[in-house]
Structure formats: C-alpha cells, structure tokens
Amino acid sequence: MAGVGDAVRVRQSGGVQSVVLPRTGLMLSYPRFVLDRPSGAREPVLLQPEVVLEDNPLHPRAAVDVLLSRPVDSRVP
C-alpha cells in the first residue's frame, strides 16, 4: 500500500441510514455496517502505508511521479 500516512481509518463504515426523532424533529444518521480487519485488531486507528508519499498541494502529481519512479518489487504479483 502506498499513500499519505495518517489519512485512512482502520475501521470503515457505509450504507448510511437516517431517521427523524419524533419528539425533537432532529435527524439522526448512522452507518448500516462497519468493516473491521480480519484479525479484529483496532490498533493502530489509522493505517500506515508501506510506502509513504508526501502530499504536495502545489504539485498534485508529485506523489504519483515519486511512486512511478520507484523500482518494481518482483515479489508483488
């Protein structure tokens, strides 16, 4: 995995549902499901990529260019 570190949470959720609370009229939104790691581990909270690419807002393609310039690992299928 390659990317900027501390950007993606280990647990992911999806399929947001909403309900309006009858007495207050407030809308409550919550995920329908949560995806966990197969191991069940909750730590670390944020994923750490194997190849850390610095984010440069002045040069949006800088991370892509750095990744493409790296040698290909023959162990990866």
C-alpha atoms as a PDB file:
ATOM      1  CA  MET A   1       0.000   0.000   0.000  1.00  0.00           C
ATOM      2  CA  ALA A   2       1.272   3.461  -0.851  1.00  0.00           C
ATOM      3  CA  GLY A   3      -0.031   6.877   0.112  1.00  0.00           C
ATOM      4  CA  VAL A   4      -0.024   9.609   2.708  1.00  0.00           C
ATOM      5  CA  GLY A   5       0.111   8.295   6.270  1.00  0.00           C
ATOM      6  CA  ASP A   6      -2.480   9.002   8.976  1.00  0.00           C
ATOM      7  CA  ALA A   7      -5.243   9.541   6.433  1.00  0.00           C
ATOM      8  CA  VAL A   8      -7.338   6.350   6.399  1.00  0.00           C
ATOM      9  CA  ARG A   9      -9.074   4.798   9.389  1.00  0.00           C
ATOM     10  CA  VAL A  10      -8.723   1.061  10.061  1.00  0.00           C
ATOM     11  CA  ARG A  11     -12.489   0.651  10.554  1.00  0.00           C
ATOM     12  CA  GLN A  12     -14.677   1.670   7.630  1.00  0.00           C
ATOM     13  CA  SER A  13     -18.428   2.181   7.596  1.00  0.00           C
ATOM     14  CA  GLY A  14     -21.016   2.526   4.889  1.00  0.00           C
ATOM     15  CA  GLY A  15     -24.644   2.455   3.886  1.00  0.00           C
ATOM     16  CA  VAL A  16     -25.704   5.452   5.961  1.00  0.00           C
ATOM     17  CA  GLN A  17     -29.267   5.377   7.241  1.00  0.00           C
ATOM     18  CA  SER A  18     -31.212   8.306   8.695  1.00  0.00           C
ATOM     19  CA  VAL A  19     -34.212   8.573  10.995  1.00  0.00           C
ATOM     20  CA  VAL A  20     -36.091  11.640  12.244  1.00  0.00           C
ATOM     21  CA  LEU A  21     -36.616  11.617  16.007  1.00  0.00           C
ATOM     22  CA  PRO A  22     -40.360  12.136  16.599  1.00  0.00           C
ATOM     23  CA  ARG A  23     -40.278  14.471  19.615  1.00  0.00           C
ATOM     24  CA  THR A  24     -37.458  16.792  18.565  1.00  0.00           C
ATOM     25  CA  GLY A  25     -37.538  16.517  14.788  1.00  0.00           C
ATOM     26  CA  LEU A  26     -33.756  16.055  14.793  1.00  0.00           C
ATOM     27  CA  MET A  27     -32.326  13.791  12.098  1.00  0.00           C
ATOM     28  CA  LEU A  28     -30.055  11.007  13.288  1.00  0.00           C
ATOM     29  CA  SER A  29     -27.704   9.420  10.735  1.00  0.00           C
ATOM     30  CA  TYR A  30     -25.778   6.204  11.392  1.00  0.00           C
ATOM     31  CA  PRO A  31     -23.902   3.557   9.354  1.00  0.00           C
ATOM     32  CA  ARG A  32     -25.684   0.325   8.380  1.00  0.00           C
ATOM     33  CA  PHE A  33     -22.452  -1.664   8.702  1.00  0.00           C
ATOM     34  CA  VAL A  34     -18.863  -1.376   9.926  1.00  0.00           C
ATOM     35  CA  LEU A  35     -15.955  -3.232   8.318  1.00  0.00           C
ATOM     36  CA  ASP A  36     -13.193  -4.460  10.628  1.00  0.00           C
ATOM     37  CA  ARG A  37      -9.863  -6.125   9.915  1.00  0.00           C
ATOM     38  CA  PRO A  38      -9.999  -9.934   9.678  1.00  0.00           C
ATOM     39  CA  SER A  39      -7.806 -10.085  12.809  1.00  0.00           C
ATOM     40  CA  GLY A  40     -10.238  -7.875  14.731  1.00  0.00           C
ATOM     41  CA  ALA A  41      -7.385  -5.570  15.805  1.00  0.00           C
ATOM     42  CA  ARG A  42      -8.419  -1.965  16.423  1.00  0.00           C
ATOM     43  CA  GLU A  43      -4.902  -0.539  16.754  1.00  0.00           C
ATOM     44  CA  PRO A  44      -3.425   1.417  15.146  1.00  0.00           C
ATOM     45  CA  VAL A  45      -6.515   3.517  14.449  1.00  0.00           C
ATOM     46  CA  LEU A  46      -5.062   4.965  11.232  1.00  0.00           C
ATOM     47  CA  LEU A  47      -3.479   2.839   8.500  1.00  0.00           C
ATOM     48  CA  GLN A  48       0.231   3.331   7.872  1.00  0.00           C
ATOM     49  CA  PRO A  49       1.251   2.712   4.261  1.00  0.00           C
ATOM     50  CA  GLU A  50       4.346   0.671   3.448  1.00  0.00           C
ATOM     51  CA  VAL A  51       5.463   3.432   1.063  1.00  0.00           C
ATOM     52  CA  VAL A  52       4.789   6.903   2.479  1.00  0.00           C
ATOM     53  CA  LEU A  53       4.230   9.557  -0.183  1.00  0.00           C
ATOM     54  CA  GLU A  54       4.295  13.186   0.872  1.00  0.00           C
ATOM     55  CA  ASP A  55       1.300  15.250  -0.162  1.00  0.00           C
ATOM     56  CA  ASN A  56       2.196  18.472  -2.008  1.00  0.00           C
ATOM     57  CA  PRO A  57      -0.807  20.714  -2.742  1.00  0.00           C
ATOM     58  CA  LEU A  58       1.321  22.858  -5.096  1.00  0.00           C
ATOM     59  CA  HIS A  59       2.220  19.820  -7.218  1.00  0.00           C
ATOM     60  CA  PRO A  60      -0.751  17.383  -7.157  1.00  0.00           C
ATOM     61  CA  ARG A  61       1.033  14.786  -9.315  1.00  0.00           C
ATOM     62  CA  ALA A  62       4.224  14.775  -7.210  1.00  0.00           C
ATOM     63  CA  ALA A  63       3.198  11.671  -5.233  1.00  0.00           C
ATOM     64  CA  VAL A  64       2.272   9.801  -8.426  1.00  0.00           C
ATOM     65  CA  ASP A  65       5.570  10.732 -10.059  1.00  0.00           C
ATOM     66  CA  VAL A  66       7.551   9.562  -6.988  1.00  0.00           C
ATOM     67  CA  LEU A  67       5.666   6.263  -6.909  1.00  0.00           C
ATOM     68  CA  LEU A  68       6.182   5.655 -10.641  1.00  0.00           C
ATOM     69  CA  SER A  69       9.915   6.373 -10.331  1.00  0.00           C
ATOM     70  CA  ARG A  70      10.388   3.606  -7.720  1.00  0.00           C
ATOM     71  CA  PRO A  71      11.736   0.224  -8.838  1.00  0.00           C
ATOM     72  CA  VAL A  72       9.125  -2.506  -9.244  1.00  0.00           C
ATOM     73  CA  ASP A  73       9.174  -5.123  -6.483  1.00  0.00           C
ATOM     74  CA  SER A  74       9.337  -8.542  -8.153  1.00  0.00           C
ATOM     75  CA  ARG A  75       7.731 -10.178  -5.079  1.00  0.00           C
ATOM     76  CA  VAL A  76       4.406  -8.448  -5.732  1.00  0.00           C
ATOM     77  CA  PRO A  77       2.180 -10.478  -8.086  1.00  0.00           C
END
